[in-house]
Amino acid sequence: MNTPSTDEFAHVLGALDAYRKTSPEMVVVGRMIAESLPDRTG
């Protein structure tokens, strides 16, 4: 599996955050997707 680039990673997290603010259902879906992405904090 290919790891997303730093730019792609930031874009995905930004999109998830935007959807979380507009759709209650996306809170759960966004969390599941975000938790499946590789950790980029370290």
PDB file of N, CA and C in Angstrom:
ATOM      1  N   MET A   1       0.840  -1.172   0.000  1.00  0.00           N
ATOM      2  CA  MET A   1       0.000   0.000   0.000  1.00  0.00           C
ATOM      3  C   MET A   1       0.890   1.242   0.000  1.00  0.00           C
ATOM      4  N   ASN A   2       0.576   2.188  -0.846  1.00  0.00           N
ATOM      5  CA  ASN A   2       1.343   3.424  -0.918  1.00  0.00           C
ATOM      6  C   ASN A   2       0.895   4.392   0.170  1.00  0.00           C
ATOM      7  N   THR A   3       1.854   5.061   0.768  1.00  0.00           N
ATOM      8  CA  THR A   3       1.560   6.079   1.765  1.00  0.00           C
ATOM      9  C   THR A   3       1.305   7.395   1.048  1.00  0.00           C
ATOM     10  N   PRO A   4       0.258   8.122   1.440  1.00  0.00           N
ATOM     11  CA  PRO A   4      -0.001   9.405   0.783  1.00  0.00           C
ATOM     12  C   PRO A   4       1.136  10.393   1.033  1.00  0.00           C
ATOM     13  N   SER A   5       1.347  11.278   0.064  1.00  0.00           N
ATOM     14  CA  SER A   5       2.363  12.316   0.241  1.00  0.00           C
ATOM     15  C   SER A   5       1.910  13.261   1.354  1.00  0.00           C
ATOM     16  N   THR A   6       2.826  14.089   1.808  1.00  0.00           N
ATOM     17  CA  THR A   6       2.501  15.044   2.866  1.00  0.00           C
ATOM     18  C   THR A   6       1.372  15.971   2.442  1.00  0.00           C
ATOM     19  N   ASP A   7       1.403  16.429   1.187  1.00  0.00           N
ATOM     20  CA  ASP A   7       0.344  17.308   0.687  1.00  0.00           C
ATOM     21  C   ASP A   7      -0.998  16.587   0.629  1.00  0.00           C
ATOM     22  N   GLU A   8      -0.996  15.355   0.113  1.00  0.00           N
ATOM     23  CA  GLU A   8      -2.232  14.574   0.048  1.00  0.00           C
ATOM     24  C   GLU A   8      -2.777  14.309   1.445  1.00  0.00           C
ATOM     25  N   PHE A   9      -1.893  13.986   2.353  1.00  0.00           N
ATOM     26  CA  PHE A   9      -2.272  13.695   3.729  1.00  0.00           C
ATOM     27  C   PHE A   9      -2.971  14.906   4.352  1.00  0.00           C
ATOM     28  N   ALA A  10      -2.376  16.078   4.202  1.00  0.00           N
ATOM     29  CA  ALA A  10      -2.961  17.304   4.752  1.00  0.00           C
ATOM     30  C   ALA A  10      -4.304  17.608   4.098  1.00  0.00           C
ATOM     31  N   HIS A  11      -4.404  17.382   2.793  1.00  0.00           N
ATOM     32  CA  HIS A  11      -5.653  17.634   2.074  1.00  0.00           C
ATOM     33  C   HIS A  11      -6.766  16.715   2.574  1.00  0.00           C
ATOM     34  N   VAL A  12      -6.454  15.446   2.763  1.00  0.00           N
ATOM     35  CA  VAL A  12      -7.451  14.485   3.261  1.00  0.00           C
ATOM     36  C   VAL A  12      -7.921  14.890   4.653  1.00  0.00           C
ATOM     37  N   LEU A  13      -6.998  15.216   5.541  1.00  0.00           N
ATOM     38  CA  LEU A  13      -7.389  15.617   6.892  1.00  0.00           C
ATOM     39  C   LEU A  13      -8.222  16.897   6.878  1.00  0.00           C
ATOM     40  N   GLY A  14      -7.881  17.833   6.000  1.00  0.00           N
ATOM     41  CA  GLY A  14      -8.665  19.063   5.875  1.00  0.00           C
ATOM     42  C   GLY A  14     -10.073  18.797   5.377  1.00  0.00           C
ATOM     43  N   ALA A  15     -10.194  17.912   4.399  1.00  0.00           N
ATOM     44  CA  ALA A  15     -11.518  17.559   3.880  1.00  0.00           C
ATOM     45  C   ALA A  15     -12.350  16.864   4.949  1.00  0.00           C
ATOM     46  N   LEU A  16     -11.739  15.957   5.690  1.00  0.00           N
ATOM     47  CA  LEU A  16     -12.459  15.278   6.771  1.00  0.00           C
ATOM     48  C   LEU A  16     -12.940  16.279   7.815  1.00  0.00           C
ATOM     49  N   ASP A  17     -12.099  17.228   8.151  1.00  0.00           N
ATOM     50  CA  ASP A  17     -12.473  18.235   9.140  1.00  0.00           C
ATOM     51  C   ASP A  17     -13.640  19.085   8.641  1.00  0.00           C
ATOM     52  N   ALA A  18     -13.617  19.451   7.361  1.00  0.00           N
ATOM     53  CA  ALA A  18     -14.710  20.245   6.794  1.00  0.00           C
ATOM     54  C   ALA A  18     -16.026  19.475   6.831  1.00  0.00           C
ATOM     55  N   TYR A  19     -15.995  18.206   6.471  1.00  0.00           N
ATOM     56  CA  TYR A  19     -17.216  17.407   6.488  1.00  0.00           C
ATOM     57  C   TYR A  19     -17.729  17.183   7.899  1.00  0.00           C
ATOM     58  N   ARG A  20     -16.847  17.064   8.857  1.00  0.00           N
ATOM     59  CA  ARG A  20     -17.278  16.882  10.248  1.00  0.00           C
ATOM     60  C   ARG A  20     -18.117  18.059  10.718  1.00  0.00           C
ATOM     61  N   LYS A  21     -17.818  19.238  10.202  1.00  0.00           N
ATOM     62  CA  LYS A  21     -18.536  20.442  10.619  1.00  0.00           C
ATOM     63  C   LYS A  21     -19.905  20.556   9.963  1.00  0.00           C
ATOM     64  N   THR A  22     -20.128  19.854   8.859  1.00  0.00           N
ATOM     65  CA  THR A  22     -21.382  19.999   8.122  1.00  0.00           C
ATOM     66  C   THR A  22     -22.294  18.793   8.200  1.00  0.00           C
ATOM     67  N   SER A  23     -21.797  17.654   8.618  1.00  0.00           N
ATOM     68  CA  SER A  23     -22.600  16.437   8.600  1.00  0.00           C
ATOM     69  C   SER A  23     -22.320  15.588   9.837  1.00  0.00           C
ATOM     70  N   PRO A  24     -23.323  15.392  10.690  1.00  0.00           N
ATOM     71  CA  PRO A  24     -23.111  14.570  11.885  1.00  0.00           C
ATOM     72  C   PRO A  24     -22.639  13.154  11.558  1.00  0.00           C
ATOM     73  N   GLU A  25     -23.111  12.592  10.451  1.00  0.00           N
ATOM     74  CA  GLU A  25     -22.700  11.244  10.073  1.00  0.00           C
ATOM     75  C   GLU A  25     -21.214  11.184   9.756  1.00  0.00           C
ATOM     76  N   MET A  26     -20.684  12.267   9.238  1.00  0.00           N
ATOM     77  CA  MET A  26     -19.277  12.279   8.849  1.00  0.00           C
ATOM     78  C   MET A  26     -18.341  12.331  10.047  1.00  0.00           C
ATOM     79  N   VAL A  27     -18.858  12.632  11.231  1.00  0.00           N
ATOM     80  CA  VAL A  27     -18.004  12.598  12.419  1.00  0.00           C
ATOM     81  C   VAL A  27     -17.448  11.193  12.590  1.00  0.00           C
ATOM     82  N   VAL A  28     -18.328  10.200  12.496  1.00  0.00           N
ATOM     83  CA  VAL A  28     -17.909   8.806  12.664  1.00  0.00           C
ATOM     84  C   VAL A  28     -17.066   8.350  11.478  1.00  0.00           C
ATOM     85  N   VAL A  29     -17.534   8.616  10.267  1.00  0.00           N
ATOM     86  CA  VAL A  29     -16.807   8.193   9.067  1.00  0.00           C
ATOM     87  C   VAL A  29     -15.441   8.874   9.015  1.00  0.00           C
ATOM     88  N   GLY A  30     -15.405  10.160   9.294  1.00  0.00           N
ATOM     89  CA  GLY A  30     -14.143  10.895   9.281  1.00  0.00           C
ATOM     90  C   GLY A  30     -13.153  10.358  10.292  1.00  0.00           C
ATOM     91  N   ARG A  31     -13.645  10.008  11.469  1.00  0.00           N
ATOM     92  CA  ARG A  31     -12.763   9.450  12.496  1.00  0.00           C
ATOM     93  C   ARG A  31     -12.197   8.110  12.045  1.00  0.00           C
ATOM     94  N   MET A  32     -13.045   7.266  11.459  1.00  0.00           N
ATOM     95  CA  MET A  32     -12.578   5.954  10.991  1.00  0.00           C
ATOM     96  C   MET A  32     -11.512   6.108   9.910  1.00  0.00           C
ATOM     97  N   ILE A  33     -11.734   7.026   8.972  1.00  0.00           N
ATOM     98  CA  ILE A  33     -10.758   7.239   7.901  1.00  0.00           C
ATOM     99  C   ILE A  33      -9.464   7.809   8.479  1.00  0.00           C
ATOM    100  N   ALA A  34      -9.575   8.815   9.330  1.00  0.00           N
ATOM    101  CA  ALA A  34      -8.379   9.436   9.907  1.00  0.00           C
ATOM    102  C   ALA A  34      -7.560   8.429  10.708  1.00  0.00           C
ATOM    103  N   GLU A  35      -8.235   7.556  11.442  1.00  0.00           N
ATOM    104  CA  GLU A  35      -7.516   6.560  12.236  1.00  0.00           C
ATOM    105  C   GLU A  35      -6.865   5.486  11.374  1.00  0.00           C
ATOM    106  N   SER A  36      -7.333   5.331  10.143  1.00  0.00           N
ATOM    107  CA  SER A  36      -6.732   4.326   9.265  1.00  0.00           C
ATOM    108  C   SER A  36      -5.499   4.863   8.533  1.00  0.00           C
ATOM    109  N   LEU A  37      -5.312   6.187   8.543  1.00  0.00           N
ATOM    110  CA  LEU A  37      -4.146   6.785   7.895  1.00  0.00           C
ATOM    111  C   LEU A  37      -2.911   6.597   8.770  1.00  0.00           C
ATOM    112  N   PRO A  38      -1.729   6.544   8.148  1.00  0.00           N
ATOM    113  CA  PRO A  38      -0.498   6.424   8.936  1.00  0.00           C
ATOM    114  C   PRO A  38      -0.303   7.645   9.837  1.00  0.00           C
ATOM    115  N   ASP A  39       0.344   7.456  10.953  1.00  0.00           N
ATOM    116  CA  ASP A  39       0.607   8.538  11.896  1.00  0.00           C
ATOM    117  C   ASP A  39       1.655   9.478  11.313  1.00  0.00           C
ATOM    118  N   ARG A  40       1.328  10.748  11.217  1.00  0.00           N
ATOM    119  CA  ARG A  40       2.265  11.742  10.678  1.00  0.00           C
ATOM    120  C   ARG A  40       2.708  12.741  11.734  1.00  0.00           C
ATOM    121  N   THR A  41       2.480  12.431  12.996  1.00  0.00           N
ATOM    122  CA  THR A  41       2.832  13.390  14.043  1.00  0.00           C
ATOM    123  C   THR A  41       4.274  13.267  14.507  1.00  0.00           C
ATOM    124  N   GLY A  42       4.917  12.138  14.199  1.00  0.00           N
ATOM    125  CA  GLY A  42       6.214  11.912  14.789  1.00  0.00           C
ATOM    126  C   GLY A  42       7.363  12.094  13.923  1.00  0.00           C
TER     127      GLY A  42
END
